[in-house]
């Protein structure tokens, strides 16, 4: 999956445009945890999103808030 596909899947699932790259990062994480993305796809997407300015959660509590 490429970044564009992730974006389209996000819009189709959530019915709105992501406001920032972090939303796409969170969505990619959810897809990976639901085994809808392979580890290779997940890592590639995360790298691309980080290049665009997304930042991962800093603490475990931040991750729990996303689920």
PDB file of N, CA and C in Angstrom:
ATOM      1  N   UNK A   1       0.862  -1.179   0.000  1.00  0.00           N
ATOM      2  CA  UNK A   1       0.000   0.000   0.000  1.00  0.00           C
ATOM      3  C   UNK A   1       0.899   1.230   0.000  1.00  0.00           C
ATOM      4  N   UNK A   2       0.544   2.174  -0.819  1.00  0.00           N
ATOM      5  CA  UNK A   2       1.270   3.442  -0.859  1.00  0.00           C
ATOM      6  C   UNK A   2       0.467   4.495  -0.100  1.00  0.00           C
ATOM      7  N   UNK A   3       1.099   5.613   0.131  1.00  0.00           N
ATOM      8  CA  UNK A   3       0.489   6.687   0.914  1.00  0.00           C
ATOM      9  C   UNK A   3      -0.844   7.148   0.325  1.00  0.00           C
ATOM     10  N   UNK A   4      -0.912   7.225  -0.984  1.00  0.00           N
ATOM     11  CA  UNK A   4      -2.153   7.655  -1.632  1.00  0.00           C
ATOM     12  C   UNK A   4      -3.295   6.672  -1.343  1.00  0.00           C
ATOM     13  N   UNK A   5      -2.989   5.380  -1.368  1.00  0.00           N
ATOM     14  CA  UNK A   5      -4.003   4.365  -1.058  1.00  0.00           C
ATOM     15  C   UNK A   5      -4.460   4.473   0.392  1.00  0.00           C
ATOM     16  N   UNK A   6      -3.508   4.724   1.290  1.00  0.00           N
ATOM     17  CA  UNK A   6      -3.845   4.898   2.702  1.00  0.00           C
ATOM     18  C   UNK A   6      -4.797   6.079   2.871  1.00  0.00           C
ATOM     19  N   UNK A   7      -4.505   7.166   2.174  1.00  0.00           N
ATOM     20  CA  UNK A   7      -5.340   8.363   2.236  1.00  0.00           C
ATOM     21  C   UNK A   7      -6.756   8.051   1.759  1.00  0.00           C
ATOM     22  N   UNK A   8      -6.871   7.362   0.628  1.00  0.00           N
ATOM     23  CA  UNK A   8      -8.198   7.019   0.094  1.00  0.00           C
ATOM     24  C   UNK A   8      -8.957   6.093   1.044  1.00  0.00           C
ATOM     25  N   UNK A   9      -8.250   5.136   1.635  1.00  0.00           N
ATOM     26  CA  UNK A   9      -8.896   4.220   2.574  1.00  0.00           C
ATOM     27  C   UNK A   9      -9.372   4.982   3.811  1.00  0.00           C
ATOM     28  N   UNK A  10      -8.561   5.931   4.279  1.00  0.00           N
ATOM     29  CA  UNK A  10      -8.937   6.756   5.426  1.00  0.00           C
ATOM     30  C   UNK A  10     -10.236   7.498   5.129  1.00  0.00           C
ATOM     31  N   UNK A  11     -10.276   8.170   3.987  1.00  0.00           N
ATOM     32  CA  UNK A  11     -11.460   8.957   3.617  1.00  0.00           C
ATOM     33  C   UNK A  11     -12.677   8.051   3.477  1.00  0.00           C
ATOM     34  N   UNK A  12     -12.493   6.888   2.877  1.00  0.00           N
ATOM     35  CA  UNK A  12     -13.626   5.992   2.689  1.00  0.00           C
ATOM     36  C   UNK A  12     -14.130   5.433   4.017  1.00  0.00           C
ATOM     37  N   UNK A  13     -13.233   5.170   4.963  1.00  0.00           N
ATOM     38  CA  UNK A  13     -13.643   4.627   6.271  1.00  0.00           C
ATOM     39  C   UNK A  13     -14.193   5.707   7.203  1.00  0.00           C
ATOM     40  N   UNK A  14     -13.560   6.870   7.207  1.00  0.00           N
ATOM     41  CA  UNK A  14     -13.903   7.917   8.176  1.00  0.00           C
ATOM     42  C   UNK A  14     -14.875   8.962   7.622  1.00  0.00           C
ATOM     43  N   UNK A  15     -15.028   9.024   6.322  1.00  0.00           N
ATOM     44  CA  UNK A  15     -15.918   9.985   5.649  1.00  0.00           C
ATOM     45  C   UNK A  15     -15.502  11.451   5.854  1.00  0.00           C
ATOM     46  N   UNK A  16     -14.226  11.679   6.037  1.00  0.00           N
ATOM     47  CA  UNK A  16     -13.696  13.043   6.074  1.00  0.00           C
ATOM     48  C   UNK A  16     -12.212  13.000   5.731  1.00  0.00           C
ATOM     49  N   UNK A  17     -11.680  14.144   5.336  1.00  0.00           N
ATOM     50  CA  UNK A  17     -10.267  14.262   5.002  1.00  0.00           C
ATOM     51  C   UNK A  17      -9.440  14.356   6.288  1.00  0.00           C
ATOM     52  N   UNK A  18      -8.279  13.723   6.328  1.00  0.00           N
ATOM     53  CA  UNK A  18      -7.421  13.865   7.510  1.00  0.00           C
ATOM     54  C   UNK A  18      -6.920  15.304   7.623  1.00  0.00           C
ATOM     55  N   UNK A  19      -6.912  15.823   8.840  1.00  0.00           N
ATOM     56  CA  UNK A  19      -6.488  17.207   9.044  1.00  0.00           C
ATOM     57  C   UNK A  19      -4.967  17.331   9.106  1.00  0.00           C
ATOM     58  N   UNK A  20      -4.279  16.250   9.460  1.00  0.00           N
ATOM     59  CA  UNK A  20      -2.823  16.276   9.536  1.00  0.00           C
ATOM     60  C   UNK A  20      -2.283  14.875   9.284  1.00  0.00           C
ATOM     61  N   UNK A  21      -0.989  14.806   9.055  1.00  0.00           N
ATOM     62  CA  UNK A  21      -0.349  13.521   8.745  1.00  0.00           C
ATOM     63  C   UNK A  21      -0.412  12.556   9.917  1.00  0.00           C
ATOM     64  N   UNK A  22      -0.475  13.078  11.138  1.00  0.00           N
ATOM     65  CA  UNK A  22      -0.553  12.208  12.314  1.00  0.00           C
ATOM     66  C   UNK A  22      -1.816  11.348  12.295  1.00  0.00           C
ATOM     67  N   UNK A  23      -2.896  11.875  11.742  1.00  0.00           N
ATOM     68  CA  UNK A  23      -4.124  11.080  11.636  1.00  0.00           C
ATOM     69  C   UNK A  23      -3.906   9.879  10.731  1.00  0.00           C
ATOM     70  N   UNK A  24      -3.183  10.079   9.645  1.00  0.00           N
ATOM     71  CA  UNK A  24      -2.880   8.966   8.749  1.00  0.00           C
ATOM     72  C   UNK A  24      -1.941   7.968   9.430  1.00  0.00           C
ATOM     73  N   UNK A  25      -1.003   8.462  10.214  1.00  0.00           N
ATOM     74  CA  UNK A  25      -0.098   7.575  10.944  1.00  0.00           C
ATOM     75  C   UNK A  25      -0.888   6.710  11.935  1.00  0.00           C
ATOM     76  N   UNK A  26      -1.802   7.321  12.647  1.00  0.00           N
ATOM     77  CA  UNK A  26      -2.638   6.574  13.594  1.00  0.00           C
ATOM     78  C   UNK A  26      -3.488   5.541  12.873  1.00  0.00           C
ATOM     79  N   UNK A  27      -4.017   5.922  11.721  1.00  0.00           N
ATOM     80  CA  UNK A  27      -4.847   5.021  10.933  1.00  0.00           C
ATOM     81  C   UNK A  27      -4.020   3.843  10.425  1.00  0.00           C
ATOM     82  N   UNK A  28      -2.806   4.110   9.959  1.00  0.00           N
ATOM     83  CA  UNK A  28      -1.912   3.038   9.500  1.00  0.00           C
ATOM     84  C   UNK A  28      -1.610   2.080  10.653  1.00  0.00           C
ATOM     85  N   UNK A  29      -1.397   2.624  11.830  1.00  0.00           N
ATOM     86  CA  UNK A  29      -1.135   1.789  13.012  1.00  0.00           C
ATOM     87  C   UNK A  29      -2.334   0.884  13.299  1.00  0.00           C
ATOM     88  N   UNK A  30      -3.528   1.437  13.203  1.00  0.00           N
ATOM     89  CA  UNK A  30      -4.734   0.633  13.432  1.00  0.00           C
ATOM     90  C   UNK A  30      -4.858  -0.479  12.393  1.00  0.00           C
ATOM     91  N   UNK A  31      -4.582  -0.163  11.134  1.00  0.00           N
ATOM     92  CA  UNK A  31      -4.644  -1.188  10.088  1.00  0.00           C
ATOM     93  C   UNK A  31      -3.618  -2.289  10.335  1.00  0.00           C
ATOM     94  N   UNK A  32      -2.432  -1.896  10.772  1.00  0.00           N
ATOM     95  CA  UNK A  32      -1.395  -2.886  11.068  1.00  0.00           C
ATOM     96  C   UNK A  32      -1.822  -3.785  12.232  1.00  0.00           C
ATOM     97  N   UNK A  33      -2.371  -3.192  13.269  1.00  0.00           N
ATOM     98  CA  UNK A  33      -2.799  -3.979  14.432  1.00  0.00           C
ATOM     99  C   UNK A  33      -3.949  -4.916  14.096  1.00  0.00           C
ATOM    100  N   UNK A  34      -4.759  -4.533  13.112  1.00  0.00           N
ATOM    101  CA  UNK A  34      -5.859  -5.400  12.655  1.00  0.00           C
ATOM    102  C   UNK A  34      -5.398  -6.368  11.567  1.00  0.00           C
ATOM    103  N   UNK A  35      -4.079  -6.381  11.329  1.00  0.00           N
ATOM    104  CA  UNK A  35      -3.444  -7.265  10.350  1.00  0.00           C
ATOM    105  C   UNK A  35      -3.927  -7.013   8.922  1.00  0.00           C
ATOM    106  N   UNK A  36      -4.257  -5.752   8.629  1.00  0.00           N
ATOM    107  CA  UNK A  36      -4.634  -5.364   7.275  1.00  0.00           C
ATOM    108  C   UNK A  36      -3.446  -4.808   6.495  1.00  0.00           C
ATOM    109  N   UNK A  37      -2.333  -4.593   7.195  1.00  0.00           N
ATOM    110  CA  UNK A  37      -1.073  -4.171   6.581  1.00  0.00           C
ATOM    111  C   UNK A  37       0.027  -5.112   7.049  1.00  0.00           C
ATOM    112  N   UNK A  38       0.939  -5.427   6.160  1.00  0.00           N
ATOM    113  CA  UNK A  38       2.111  -6.207   6.567  1.00  0.00           C
ATOM    114  C   UNK A  38       3.096  -5.273   7.281  1.00  0.00           C
ATOM    115  N   UNK A  39       4.070  -5.858   7.949  1.00  0.00           N
ATOM    116  CA  UNK A  39       5.070  -5.041   8.643  1.00  0.00           C
ATOM    117  C   UNK A  39       5.866  -4.206   7.637  1.00  0.00           C
ATOM    118  N   UNK A  40       6.118  -4.765   6.467  1.00  0.00           N
ATOM    119  CA  UNK A  40       6.858  -4.035   5.431  1.00  0.00           C
ATOM    120  C   UNK A  40       6.047  -2.828   4.956  1.00  0.00           C
ATOM    121  N   UNK A  41       4.765  -3.027   4.682  1.00  0.00           N
ATOM    122  CA  UNK A  41       3.897  -1.923   4.251  1.00  0.00           C
ATOM    123  C   UNK A  41       3.822  -0.864   5.344  1.00  0.00           C
ATOM    124  N   UNK A  42       3.644  -1.303   6.588  1.00  0.00           N
ATOM    125  CA  UNK A  42       3.526  -0.381   7.716  1.00  0.00           C
ATOM    126  C   UNK A  42       4.778   0.478   7.849  1.00  0.00           C
ATOM    127  N   UNK A  43       5.940  -0.153   7.814  1.00  0.00           N
ATOM    128  CA  UNK A  43       7.195   0.595   7.965  1.00  0.00           C
ATOM    129  C   UNK A  43       7.388   1.601   6.838  1.00  0.00           C
ATOM    130  N   UNK A  44       7.059   1.201   5.620  1.00  0.00           N
ATOM    131  CA  UNK A  44       7.198   2.129   4.482  1.00  0.00           C
ATOM    132  C   UNK A  44       6.274   3.332   4.645  1.00  0.00           C
ATOM    133  N   UNK A  45       5.031   3.075   5.047  1.00  0.00           N
ATOM    134  CA  UNK A  45       4.080   4.171   5.243  1.00  0.00           C
ATOM    135  C   UNK A  45       4.537   5.103   6.358  1.00  0.00           C
ATOM    136  N   UNK A  46       5.013   4.529   7.454  1.00  0.00           N
ATOM    137  CA  UNK A  46       5.476   5.355   8.583  1.00  0.00           C
ATOM    138  C   UNK A  46       6.644   6.236   8.151  1.00  0.00           C
ATOM    139  N   UNK A  47       7.584   5.679   7.405  1.00  0.00           N
ATOM    140  CA  UNK A  47       8.731   6.471   6.920  1.00  0.00           C
ATOM    141  C   UNK A  47       8.263   7.634   6.052  1.00  0.00           C
ATOM    142  N   UNK A  48       7.341   7.357   5.136  1.00  0.00           N
ATOM    143  CA  UNK A  48       6.812   8.409   4.264  1.00  0.00           C
ATOM    144  C   UNK A  48       6.083   9.483   5.076  1.00  0.00           C
ATOM    145  N   UNK A  49       5.280   9.053   6.034  1.00  0.00           N
ATOM    146  CA  UNK A  49       4.535  10.016   6.847  1.00  0.00           C
ATOM    147  C   UNK A  49       5.470  10.858   7.710  1.00  0.00           C
ATOM    148  N   UNK A  50       6.533  10.245   8.235  1.00  0.00           N
ATOM    149  CA  UNK A  50       7.506  11.007   9.027  1.00  0.00           C
ATOM    150  C   UNK A  50       8.214  12.045   8.157  1.00  0.00           C
ATOM    151  N   UNK A  51       8.486  11.708   6.906  1.00  0.00           N
ATOM    152  CA  UNK A  51       9.096  12.678   5.982  1.00  0.00           C
ATOM    153  C   UNK A  51       8.178  13.877   5.774  1.00  0.00           C
ATOM    154  N   UNK A  52       6.868  13.646   5.863  1.00  0.00           N
ATOM    155  CA  UNK A  52       5.889  14.718   5.671  1.00  0.00           C
ATOM    156  C   UNK A  52       5.562  15.447   6.976  1.00  0.00           C
ATOM    157  N   UNK A  53       6.223  15.060   8.077  1.00  0.00           N
ATOM    158  CA  UNK A  53       6.048  15.797   9.322  1.00  0.00           C
ATOM    159  C   UNK A  53       5.273  15.098  10.416  1.00  0.00           C
ATOM    160  N   UNK A  54       4.796  13.883  10.178  1.00  0.00           N
ATOM    161  CA  UNK A  54       4.071  13.154  11.226  1.00  0.00           C
ATOM    162  C   UNK A  54       5.054  12.735  12.316  1.00  0.00           C
ATOM    163  N   UNK A  55       4.575  12.746  13.545  1.00  0.00           N
ATOM    164  CA  UNK A  55       5.406  12.305  14.663  1.00  0.00           C
ATOM    165  C   UNK A  55       4.674  11.207  15.427  1.00  0.00           C
ATOM    166  N   UNK A  56       5.405  10.165  15.831  1.00  0.00           N
ATOM    167  CA  UNK A  56       4.774   9.083  16.584  1.00  0.00           C
ATOM    168  C   UNK A  56       4.428   9.537  17.995  1.00  0.00           C
ATOM    169  N   UNK A  57       3.486   8.835  18.646  1.00  0.00           N
ATOM    170  CA  UNK A  57       3.167   9.172  20.041  1.00  0.00           C
ATOM    171  C   UNK A  57       4.406   8.997  20.909  1.00  0.00           C
ATOM    172  N   UNK A  58       4.535   9.834  21.926  1.00  0.00           N
ATOM    173  CA  UNK A  58       5.728   9.810  22.770  1.00  0.00           C
ATOM    174  C   UNK A  58       5.627   8.827  23.934  1.00  0.00           C
ATOM    175  N   UNK A  59       4.428   8.570  24.409  1.00  0.00           N
ATOM    176  CA  UNK A  59       4.268   7.693  25.568  1.00  0.00           C
ATOM    177  C   UNK A  59       3.242   6.600  25.285  1.00  0.00           C
ATOM    178  N   UNK A  60       3.265   5.570  26.106  1.00  0.00           N
ATOM    179  CA  UNK A  60       2.293   4.488  25.977  1.00  0.00           C
ATOM    180  C   UNK A  60       0.878   5.008  26.195  1.00  0.00           C
ATOM    181  N   UNK A  61       0.709   5.959  27.089  1.00  0.00           N
ATOM    182  CA  UNK A  61      -0.606   6.550  27.348  1.00  0.00           C
ATOM    183  C   UNK A  61      -1.140   7.258  26.105  1.00  0.00           C
ATOM    184  N   UNK A  62      -0.246   7.901  25.360  1.00  0.00           N
ATOM    185  CA  UNK A  62      -0.661   8.543  24.108  1.00  0.00           C
ATOM    186  C   UNK A  62      -1.166   7.507  23.114  1.00  0.00           C
ATOM    187  N   UNK A  63      -0.517   6.353  23.060  1.00  0.00           N
ATOM    188  CA  UNK A  63      -0.968   5.288  22.165  1.00  0.00           C
ATOM    189  C   UNK A  63      -2.340   4.787  22.578  1.00  0.00           C
ATOM    190  N   UNK A  64      -2.557   4.618  23.875  1.00  0.00           N
ATOM    191  CA  UNK A  64      -3.845   4.123  24.358  1.00  0.00           C
ATOM    192  C   UNK A  64      -4.981   5.095  24.026  1.00  0.00           C
ATOM    193  N   UNK A  65      -4.690   6.384  24.015  1.00  0.00           N
ATOM    194  CA  UNK A  65      -5.706   7.374  23.669  1.00  0.00           C
ATOM    195  C   UNK A  65      -6.129   7.259  22.216  1.00  0.00           C
ATOM    196  N   UNK A  66      -5.279   6.716  21.358  1.00  0.00           N
ATOM    197  CA  UNK A  66      -5.568   6.611  19.936  1.00  0.00           C
ATOM    198  C   UNK A  66      -6.495   5.452  19.610  1.00  0.00           C
ATOM    199  N   UNK A  67      -6.574   4.478  20.497  1.00  0.00           N
ATOM    200  CA  UNK A  67      -7.388   3.284  20.206  1.00  0.00           C
ATOM    201  C   UNK A  67      -8.782   3.413  20.753  1.00  0.00           C
TER     202      UNK A  67
END
